[in-house]
């Protein structure tokens, strides 16, 4: 699980920082020592984003399961009637 201070709202912020680091590395203007630091930071951001995505996926799955349990199944005949309308 992500650390308590990590929230789904931080995903975009972390992703933007990761994109900036990638641009800096791809530019070729970064000294080796700084490039290694960027790489290390990028790996941490990547792992954090992955955890946040897993958390979001689990949340969506749980909400979908709850919605499915709360909604009674529709009779098969209704689907045919709606497609003909």
PDB file of N, CA and C in Angstrom:
ATOM      1  N   UNK A   1       0.844  -1.186   0.000  1.00  0.00           N
ATOM      2  CA  UNK A   1       0.000   0.000   0.000  1.00  0.00           C
ATOM      3  C   UNK A   1       0.887   1.246   0.000  1.00  0.00           C
ATOM      4  N   UNK A   2       0.394   2.316  -0.650  1.00  0.00           N
ATOM      5  CA  UNK A   2       1.152   3.560  -0.608  1.00  0.00           C
ATOM      6  C   UNK A   2       1.198   4.114   0.809  1.00  0.00           C
ATOM      7  N   UNK A   3       2.195   4.940   1.062  1.00  0.00           N
ATOM      8  CA  UNK A   3       2.293   5.592   2.364  1.00  0.00           C
ATOM      9  C   UNK A   3       1.041   6.419   2.597  1.00  0.00           C
ATOM     10  N   UNK A   4       0.719   6.676   3.857  1.00  0.00           N
ATOM     11  CA  UNK A   4      -0.507   7.381   4.185  1.00  0.00           C
ATOM     12  C   UNK A   4      -0.595   8.762   3.553  1.00  0.00           C
ATOM     13  N   UNK A   5       0.549   9.412   3.340  1.00  0.00           N
ATOM     14  CA  UNK A   5       0.509  10.757   2.791  1.00  0.00           C
ATOM     15  C   UNK A   5       0.309  10.759   1.279  1.00  0.00           C
ATOM     16  N   UNK A   6       0.342   9.590   0.646  1.00  0.00           N
ATOM     17  CA  UNK A   6       0.101   9.508  -0.784  1.00  0.00           C
ATOM     18  C   UNK A   6      -1.393   9.345  -1.036  1.00  0.00           C
ATOM     19  N   UNK A   7      -1.923  10.154  -1.921  1.00  0.00           N
ATOM     20  CA  UNK A   7      -3.322  10.063  -2.275  1.00  0.00           C
ATOM     21  C   UNK A   7      -3.442   9.953  -3.779  1.00  0.00           C
ATOM     22  N   UNK A   8      -4.597   9.560  -4.223  1.00  0.00           N
ATOM     23  CA  UNK A   8      -4.824   9.443  -5.654  1.00  0.00           C
ATOM     24  C   UNK A   8      -4.656  10.794  -6.342  1.00  0.00           C
ATOM     25  N   UNK A   9      -4.944  11.882  -5.647  1.00  0.00           N
ATOM     26  CA  UNK A   9      -4.795  13.209  -6.219  1.00  0.00           C
ATOM     27  C   UNK A   9      -3.354  13.573  -6.508  1.00  0.00           C
ATOM     28  N   UNK A  10      -2.413  12.888  -5.894  1.00  0.00           N
ATOM     29  CA  UNK A  10      -0.990  13.166  -6.115  1.00  0.00           C
ATOM     30  C   UNK A  10      -0.460  12.487  -7.373  1.00  0.00           C
ATOM     31  N   UNK A  11      -1.240  11.619  -7.972  1.00  0.00           N
ATOM     32  CA  UNK A  11      -0.766  10.879  -9.132  1.00  0.00           C
ATOM     33  C   UNK A  11      -0.332  11.818 -10.256  1.00  0.00           C
ATOM     34  N   UNK A  12      -1.185  12.767 -10.600  1.00  0.00           N
ATOM     35  CA  UNK A  12      -0.872  13.678 -11.688  1.00  0.00           C
ATOM     36  C   UNK A  12       0.390  14.493 -11.407  1.00  0.00           C
ATOM     37  N   UNK A  13       0.548  14.907 -10.165  1.00  0.00           N
ATOM     38  CA  UNK A  13       1.736  15.672  -9.764  1.00  0.00           C
ATOM     39  C   UNK A  13       3.003  14.832  -9.938  1.00  0.00           C
ATOM     40  N   UNK A  14       2.946  13.600  -9.484  1.00  0.00           N
ATOM     41  CA  UNK A  14       4.104  12.708  -9.586  1.00  0.00           C
ATOM     42  C   UNK A  14       4.404  12.372 -11.045  1.00  0.00           C
ATOM     43  N   UNK A  15       3.362  12.149 -11.818  1.00  0.00           N
ATOM     44  CA  UNK A  15       3.552  11.834 -13.224  1.00  0.00           C
ATOM     45  C   UNK A  15       4.172  13.016 -13.974  1.00  0.00           C
ATOM     46  N   UNK A  16       3.728  14.221 -13.658  1.00  0.00           N
ATOM     47  CA  UNK A  16       4.288  15.416 -14.301  1.00  0.00           C
ATOM     48  C   UNK A  16       5.778  15.557 -13.967  1.00  0.00           C
ATOM     49  N   UNK A  17       6.125  15.313 -12.708  1.00  0.00           N
ATOM     50  CA  UNK A  17       7.540  15.384 -12.315  1.00  0.00           C
ATOM     51  C   UNK A  17       8.350  14.317 -13.046  1.00  0.00           C
ATOM     52  N   UNK A  18       7.796  13.131 -13.155  1.00  0.00           N
ATOM     53  CA  UNK A  18       8.474  12.050 -13.865  1.00  0.00           C
ATOM     54  C   UNK A  18       8.688  12.420 -15.335  1.00  0.00           C
ATOM     55  N   UNK A  19       7.675  13.009 -15.952  1.00  0.00           N
ATOM     56  CA  UNK A  19       7.807  13.434 -17.349  1.00  0.00           C
ATOM     57  C   UNK A  19       8.896  14.497 -17.505  1.00  0.00           C
ATOM     58  N   UNK A  20       8.984  15.410 -16.549  1.00  0.00           N
ATOM     59  CA  UNK A  20      10.034  16.437 -16.588  1.00  0.00           C
ATOM     60  C   UNK A  20      11.428  15.802 -16.486  1.00  0.00           C
ATOM     61  N   UNK A  21      11.553  14.813 -15.612  1.00  0.00           N
ATOM     62  CA  UNK A  21      12.835  14.124 -15.470  1.00  0.00           C
ATOM     63  C   UNK A  21      13.221  13.395 -16.756  1.00  0.00           C
ATOM     64  N   UNK A  22      12.240  12.762 -17.379  1.00  0.00           N
ATOM     65  CA  UNK A  22      12.511  12.050 -18.632  1.00  0.00           C
ATOM     66  C   UNK A  22      12.967  13.032 -19.708  1.00  0.00           C
ATOM     67  N   UNK A  23      12.297  14.180 -19.798  1.00  0.00           N
ATOM     68  CA  UNK A  23      12.696  15.193 -20.787  1.00  0.00           C
ATOM     69  C   UNK A  23      14.126  15.665 -20.542  1.00  0.00           C
ATOM     70  N   UNK A  24      14.456  15.873 -19.268  1.00  0.00           N
ATOM     71  CA  UNK A  24      15.810  16.324 -18.930  1.00  0.00           C
ATOM     72  C   UNK A  24      16.838  15.265 -19.327  1.00  0.00           C
ATOM     73  N   UNK A  25      16.528  14.003 -19.079  1.00  0.00           N
ATOM     74  CA  UNK A  25      17.456  12.927 -19.433  1.00  0.00           C
ATOM     75  C   UNK A  25      17.567  12.768 -20.951  1.00  0.00           C
ATOM     76  N   UNK A  26      16.446  12.906 -21.641  1.00  0.00           N
ATOM     77  CA  UNK A  26      16.459  12.744 -23.089  1.00  0.00           C
ATOM     78  C   UNK A  26      17.151  13.900 -23.805  1.00  0.00           C
ATOM     79  N   UNK A  27      17.234  15.049 -23.162  1.00  0.00           N
ATOM     80  CA  UNK A  27      17.847  16.214 -23.797  1.00  0.00           C
ATOM     81  C   UNK A  27      19.342  16.003 -24.031  1.00  0.00           C
ATOM     82  N   UNK A  28      19.942  15.175 -23.187  1.00  0.00           N
ATOM     83  CA  UNK A  28      21.372  14.926 -23.321  1.00  0.00           C
ATOM     84  C   UNK A  28      22.238  16.029 -22.740  1.00  0.00           C
ATOM     85  N   UNK A  29      21.626  17.046 -22.151  1.00  0.00           N
ATOM     86  CA  UNK A  29      22.363  18.173 -21.583  1.00  0.00           C
ATOM     87  C   UNK A  29      22.658  18.000 -20.099  1.00  0.00           C
ATOM     88  N   UNK A  30      22.309  16.849 -19.559  1.00  0.00           N
ATOM     89  CA  UNK A  30      22.458  16.611 -18.127  1.00  0.00           C
ATOM     90  C   UNK A  30      23.791  15.921 -17.849  1.00  0.00           C
ATOM     91  N   UNK A  31      24.511  16.447 -16.859  1.00  0.00           N
ATOM     92  CA  UNK A  31      25.769  15.803 -16.454  1.00  0.00           C
ATOM     93  C   UNK A  31      25.471  14.426 -15.897  1.00  0.00           C
ATOM     94  N   UNK A  32      26.455  13.561 -15.960  1.00  0.00           N
ATOM     95  CA  UNK A  32      26.263  12.169 -15.550  1.00  0.00           C
ATOM     96  C   UNK A  32      25.757  12.057 -14.118  1.00  0.00           C
ATOM     97  N   UNK A  33      26.385  12.771 -13.202  1.00  0.00           N
ATOM     98  CA  UNK A  33      25.978  12.679 -11.794  1.00  0.00           C
ATOM     99  C   UNK A  33      24.517  13.111 -11.620  1.00  0.00           C
ATOM    100  N   UNK A  34      24.155  14.193 -12.276  1.00  0.00           N
ATOM    101  CA  UNK A  34      22.774  14.681 -12.192  1.00  0.00           C
ATOM    102  C   UNK A  34      21.821  13.705 -12.886  1.00  0.00           C
ATOM    103  N   UNK A  35      22.267  13.114 -13.991  1.00  0.00           N
ATOM    104  CA  UNK A  35      21.435  12.142 -14.707  1.00  0.00           C
ATOM    105  C   UNK A  35      21.140  10.931 -13.830  1.00  0.00           C
ATOM    106  N   UNK A  36      22.128  10.482 -13.086  1.00  0.00           N
ATOM    107  CA  UNK A  36      21.918   9.339 -12.192  1.00  0.00           C
ATOM    108  C   UNK A  36      20.910   9.710 -11.095  1.00  0.00           C
ATOM    109  N   UNK A  37      21.024  10.918 -10.557  1.00  0.00           N
ATOM    110  CA  UNK A  37      20.065  11.369  -9.540  1.00  0.00           C
ATOM    111  C   UNK A  37      18.665  11.452 -10.132  1.00  0.00           C
ATOM    112  N   UNK A  38      18.567  11.970 -11.348  1.00  0.00           N
ATOM    113  CA  UNK A  38      17.264  12.025 -12.022  1.00  0.00           C
ATOM    114  C   UNK A  38      16.695  10.621 -12.211  1.00  0.00           C
ATOM    115  N   UNK A  39      17.560   9.703 -12.610  1.00  0.00           N
ATOM    116  CA  UNK A  39      17.125   8.324 -12.823  1.00  0.00           C
ATOM    117  C   UNK A  39      16.611   7.712 -11.521  1.00  0.00           C
ATOM    118  N   UNK A  40      17.359   7.893 -10.439  1.00  0.00           N
ATOM    119  CA  UNK A  40      16.938   7.358  -9.135  1.00  0.00           C
ATOM    120  C   UNK A  40      15.594   7.953  -8.716  1.00  0.00           C
ATOM    121  N   UNK A  41      15.457   9.257  -8.865  1.00  0.00           N
ATOM    122  CA  UNK A  41      14.194   9.912  -8.513  1.00  0.00           C
ATOM    123  C   UNK A  41      13.065   9.397  -9.408  1.00  0.00           C
ATOM    124  N   UNK A  42      13.363   9.234 -10.680  1.00  0.00           N
ATOM    125  CA  UNK A  42      12.369   8.730 -11.616  1.00  0.00           C
ATOM    126  C   UNK A  42      11.885   7.335 -11.267  1.00  0.00           C
ATOM    127  N   UNK A  43      12.810   6.480 -10.834  1.00  0.00           N
ATOM    128  CA  UNK A  43      12.427   5.125 -10.430  1.00  0.00           C
ATOM    129  C   UNK A  43      11.500   5.157  -9.219  1.00  0.00           C
ATOM    130  N   UNK A  44      11.808   6.019  -8.256  1.00  0.00           N
ATOM    131  CA  UNK A  44      10.948   6.145  -7.071  1.00  0.00           C
ATOM    132  C   UNK A  44       9.566   6.659  -7.465  1.00  0.00           C
ATOM    133  N   UNK A  45       9.541   7.656  -8.346  1.00  0.00           N
ATOM    134  CA  UNK A  45       8.257   8.193  -8.800  1.00  0.00           C
ATOM    135  C   UNK A  45       7.462   7.147  -9.563  1.00  0.00           C
ATOM    136  N   UNK A  46       8.144   6.389 -10.395  1.00  0.00           N
ATOM    137  CA  UNK A  46       7.488   5.339 -11.173  1.00  0.00           C
ATOM    138  C   UNK A  46       6.851   4.295 -10.253  1.00  0.00           C
ATOM    139  N   UNK A  47       7.589   3.875  -9.237  1.00  0.00           N
ATOM    140  CA  UNK A  47       7.064   2.893  -8.288  1.00  0.00           C
ATOM    141  C   UNK A  47       5.872   3.465  -7.522  1.00  0.00           C
ATOM    142  N   UNK A  48       5.967   4.710  -7.135  1.00  0.00           N
ATOM    143  CA  UNK A  48       4.885   5.356  -6.408  1.00  0.00           C
ATOM    144  C   UNK A  48       3.637   5.473  -7.284  1.00  0.00           C
ATOM    145  N   UNK A  49       3.833   5.858  -8.541  1.00  0.00           N
ATOM    146  CA  UNK A  49       2.698   5.963  -9.465  1.00  0.00           C
ATOM    147  C   UNK A  49       2.050   4.598  -9.681  1.00  0.00           C
ATOM    148  N   UNK A  50       2.861   3.571  -9.804  1.00  0.00           N
ATOM    149  CA  UNK A  50       2.336   2.212  -9.984  1.00  0.00           C
ATOM    150  C   UNK A  50       1.475   1.810  -8.789  1.00  0.00           C
ATOM    151  N   UNK A  51       1.934   2.108  -7.586  1.00  0.00           N
ATOM    152  CA  UNK A  51       1.163   1.781  -6.385  1.00  0.00           C
ATOM    153  C   UNK A  51      -0.153   2.555  -6.355  1.00  0.00           C
ATOM    154  N   UNK A  52      -0.094   3.824  -6.746  1.00  0.00           N
ATOM    155  CA  UNK A  52      -1.309   4.634  -6.772  1.00  0.00           C
ATOM    156  C   UNK A  52      -2.295   4.115  -7.815  1.00  0.00           C
ATOM    157  N   UNK A  53      -1.795   3.669  -8.952  1.00  0.00           N
ATOM    158  CA  UNK A  53      -2.665   3.093  -9.977  1.00  0.00           C
ATOM    159  C   UNK A  53      -3.294   1.789  -9.493  1.00  0.00           C
ATOM    160  N   UNK A  54      -2.517   0.979  -8.796  1.00  0.00           N
ATOM    161  CA  UNK A  54      -3.063  -0.264  -8.241  1.00  0.00           C
ATOM    162  C   UNK A  54      -4.154   0.045  -7.220  1.00  0.00           C
ATOM    163  N   UNK A  55      -3.916   1.066  -6.403  1.00  0.00           N
ATOM    164  CA  UNK A  55      -4.900   1.473  -5.406  1.00  0.00           C
ATOM    165  C   UNK A  55      -6.181   1.952  -6.099  1.00  0.00           C
ATOM    166  N   UNK A  56      -6.038   2.742  -7.147  1.00  0.00           N
ATOM    167  CA  UNK A  56      -7.194   3.250  -7.876  1.00  0.00           C
ATOM    168  C   UNK A  56      -7.948   2.103  -8.546  1.00  0.00           C
ATOM    169  N   UNK A  57      -7.212   1.162  -9.115  1.00  0.00           N
ATOM    170  CA  UNK A  57      -7.832   0.012  -9.768  1.00  0.00           C
ATOM    171  C   UNK A  57      -8.632  -0.820  -8.768  1.00  0.00           C
ATOM    172  N   UNK A  58      -8.068  -1.035  -7.612  1.00  0.00           N
ATOM    173  CA  UNK A  58      -8.760  -1.787  -6.563  1.00  0.00           C
ATOM    174  C   UNK A  58     -10.023  -1.052  -6.135  1.00  0.00           C
ATOM    175  N   UNK A  59      -9.923   0.253  -6.003  1.00  0.00           N
ATOM    176  CA  UNK A  59     -11.084   1.044  -5.591  1.00  0.00           C
ATOM    177  C   UNK A  59     -12.200   0.956  -6.637  1.00  0.00           C
ATOM    178  N   UNK A  60     -11.832   1.060  -7.912  1.00  0.00           N
ATOM    179  CA  UNK A  60     -12.823   0.951  -8.986  1.00  0.00           C
ATOM    180  C   UNK A  60     -13.466  -0.427  -8.971  1.00  0.00           C
ATOM    181  N   UNK A  61     -12.649  -1.451  -8.781  1.00  0.00           N
ATOM    182  CA  UNK A  61     -13.172  -2.813  -8.728  1.00  0.00           C
ATOM    183  C   UNK A  61     -14.155  -2.981  -7.568  1.00  0.00           C
ATOM    184  N   UNK A  62     -13.805  -2.432  -6.407  1.00  0.00           N
ATOM    185  CA  UNK A  62     -14.690  -2.524  -5.247  1.00  0.00           C
ATOM    186  C   UNK A  62     -15.996  -1.785  -5.501  1.00  0.00           C
ATOM    187  N   UNK A  63     -15.914  -0.609  -6.093  1.00  0.00           N
ATOM    188  CA  UNK A  63     -17.124   0.158  -6.397  1.00  0.00           C
ATOM    189  C   UNK A  63     -17.989  -0.566  -7.422  1.00  0.00           C
ATOM    190  N   UNK A  64     -17.354  -1.184  -8.398  1.00  0.00           N
ATOM    191  CA  UNK A  64     -18.096  -1.945  -9.405  1.00  0.00           C
ATOM    192  C   UNK A  64     -18.794  -3.137  -8.769  1.00  0.00           C
ATOM    193  N   UNK A  65     -18.091  -3.819  -7.877  1.00  0.00           N
ATOM    194  CA  UNK A  65     -18.685  -4.950  -7.178  1.00  0.00           C
ATOM    195  C   UNK A  65     -19.873  -4.506  -6.340  1.00  0.00           C
ATOM    196  N   UNK A  66     -19.742  -3.381  -5.654  1.00  0.00           N
ATOM    197  CA  UNK A  66     -20.838  -2.853  -4.842  1.00  0.00           C
ATOM    198  C   UNK A  66     -22.020  -2.477  -5.720  1.00  0.00           C
ATOM    199  N   UNK A  67     -21.753  -1.862  -6.854  1.00  0.00           N
ATOM    200  CA  UNK A  67     -22.828  -1.458  -7.761  1.00  0.00           C
ATOM    201  C   UNK A  67     -23.526  -2.691  -8.323  1.00  0.00           C
ATOM    202  N   UNK A  68     -22.743  -3.720  -8.633  1.00  0.00           N
ATOM    203  CA  UNK A  68     -23.326  -4.953  -9.150  1.00  0.00           C
ATOM    204  C   UNK A  68     -24.187  -5.643  -8.112  1.00  0.00           C
ATOM    205  N   UNK A  69     -23.774  -5.602  -6.862  1.00  0.00           N
ATOM    206  CA  UNK A  69     -24.538  -6.230  -5.789  1.00  0.00           C
ATOM    207  C   UNK A  69     -25.795  -5.427  -5.484  1.00  0.00           C
ATOM    208  N   UNK A  70     -25.746  -4.114  -5.685  1.00  0.00           N
ATOM    209  CA  UNK A  70     -26.893  -3.263  -5.370  1.00  0.00           C
ATOM    210  C   UNK A  70     -27.922  -3.254  -6.493  1.00  0.00           C
ATOM    211  N   UNK A  71     -27.511  -3.603  -7.706  1.00  0.00           N
ATOM    212  CA  UNK A  71     -28.408  -3.587  -8.842  1.00  0.00           C
ATOM    213  C   UNK A  71     -28.891  -4.996  -9.123  1.00  0.00           C
ATOM    214  N   UNK A  72     -30.206  -5.217  -9.067  1.00  0.00           N
ATOM    215  CA  UNK A  72     -30.689  -6.562  -9.350  1.00  0.00           C
ATOM    216  C   UNK A  72     -30.457  -6.901 -10.816  1.00  0.00           C
ATOM    217  N   UNK A  73     -30.170  -8.159 -11.101  1.00  0.00           N
ATOM    218  CA  UNK A  73     -29.937  -8.545 -12.487  1.00  0.00           C
ATOM    219  C   UNK A  73     -31.193  -8.339 -13.318  1.00  0.00           C
ATOM    220  N   UNK A  74     -30.990  -7.923 -14.582  1.00  0.00           N
ATOM    221  CA  UNK A  74     -32.126  -7.699 -15.467  1.00  0.00           C
ATOM    222  C   UNK A  74     -32.471  -9.002 -16.166  1.00  0.00           C
ATOM    223  N   UNK A  75     -33.743  -9.241 -16.362  1.00  0.00           N
ATOM    224  CA  UNK A  75     -34.139 -10.445 -17.106  1.00  0.00           C
ATOM    225  C   UNK A  75     -33.577 -10.402 -18.518  1.00  0.00           C
ATOM    226  N   UNK A  76     -33.237 -11.533 -19.068  1.00  0.00           N
ATOM    227  CA  UNK A  76     -32.613 -11.601 -20.402  1.00  0.00           C
ATOM    228  C   UNK A  76     -33.532 -11.043 -21.466  1.00  0.00           C
ATOM    229  N   UNK A  77     -34.835 -11.150 -21.321  1.00  0.00           N
ATOM    230  CA  UNK A  77     -35.765 -10.652 -22.312  1.00  0.00           C
ATOM    231  C   UNK A  77     -35.717  -9.146 -22.488  1.00  0.00           C
ATOM    232  N   UNK A  78     -35.378  -8.401 -21.441  1.00  0.00           N
ATOM    233  CA  UNK A  78     -35.326  -6.935 -21.544  1.00  0.00           C
ATOM    234  C   UNK A  78     -34.228  -6.478 -22.468  1.00  0.00           C
ATOM    235  N   UNK A  79     -33.116  -7.148 -22.509  1.00  0.00           N
ATOM    236  CA  UNK A  79     -32.013  -6.745 -23.369  1.00  0.00           C
ATOM    237  C   UNK A  79     -32.422  -6.849 -24.836  1.00  0.00           C
ATOM    238  N   UNK A  80     -33.180  -7.906 -25.185  1.00  0.00           N
ATOM    239  CA  UNK A  80     -33.639  -8.088 -26.563  1.00  0.00           C
ATOM    240  C   UNK A  80     -34.641  -7.018 -26.937  1.00  0.00           C
ATOM    241  N   UNK A  81     -35.528  -6.686 -26.017  1.00  0.00           N
ATOM    242  CA  UNK A  81     -36.545  -5.671 -26.286  1.00  0.00           C
ATOM    243  C   UNK A  81     -35.910  -4.305 -26.510  1.00  0.00           C
ATOM    244  N   UNK A  82     -34.873  -3.980 -25.719  1.00  0.00           N
ATOM    245  CA  UNK A  82     -34.212  -2.681 -25.846  1.00  0.00           C
ATOM    246  C   UNK A  82     -33.450  -2.579 -27.154  1.00  0.00           C
ATOM    247  N   UNK A  83     -32.852  -3.658 -27.611  1.00  0.00           N
ATOM    248  CA  UNK A  83     -32.073  -3.597 -28.844  1.00  0.00           C
ATOM    249  C   UNK A  83     -32.974  -3.453 -30.055  1.00  0.00           C
ATOM    250  N   UNK A  84     -34.232  -3.878 -29.964  1.00  0.00           N
ATOM    251  CA  UNK A  84     -35.171  -3.740 -31.054  1.00  0.00           C
ATOM    252  C   UNK A  84     -35.803  -2.362 -31.099  1.00  0.00           C
ATOM    253  N   UNK A  85     -35.776  -1.638 -29.979  1.00  0.00           N
ATOM    254  CA  UNK A  85     -36.430  -0.325 -29.905  1.00  0.00           C
ATOM    255  C   UNK A  85     -35.682   0.748 -30.625  1.00  0.00           C
TER     256      UNK A  85
END
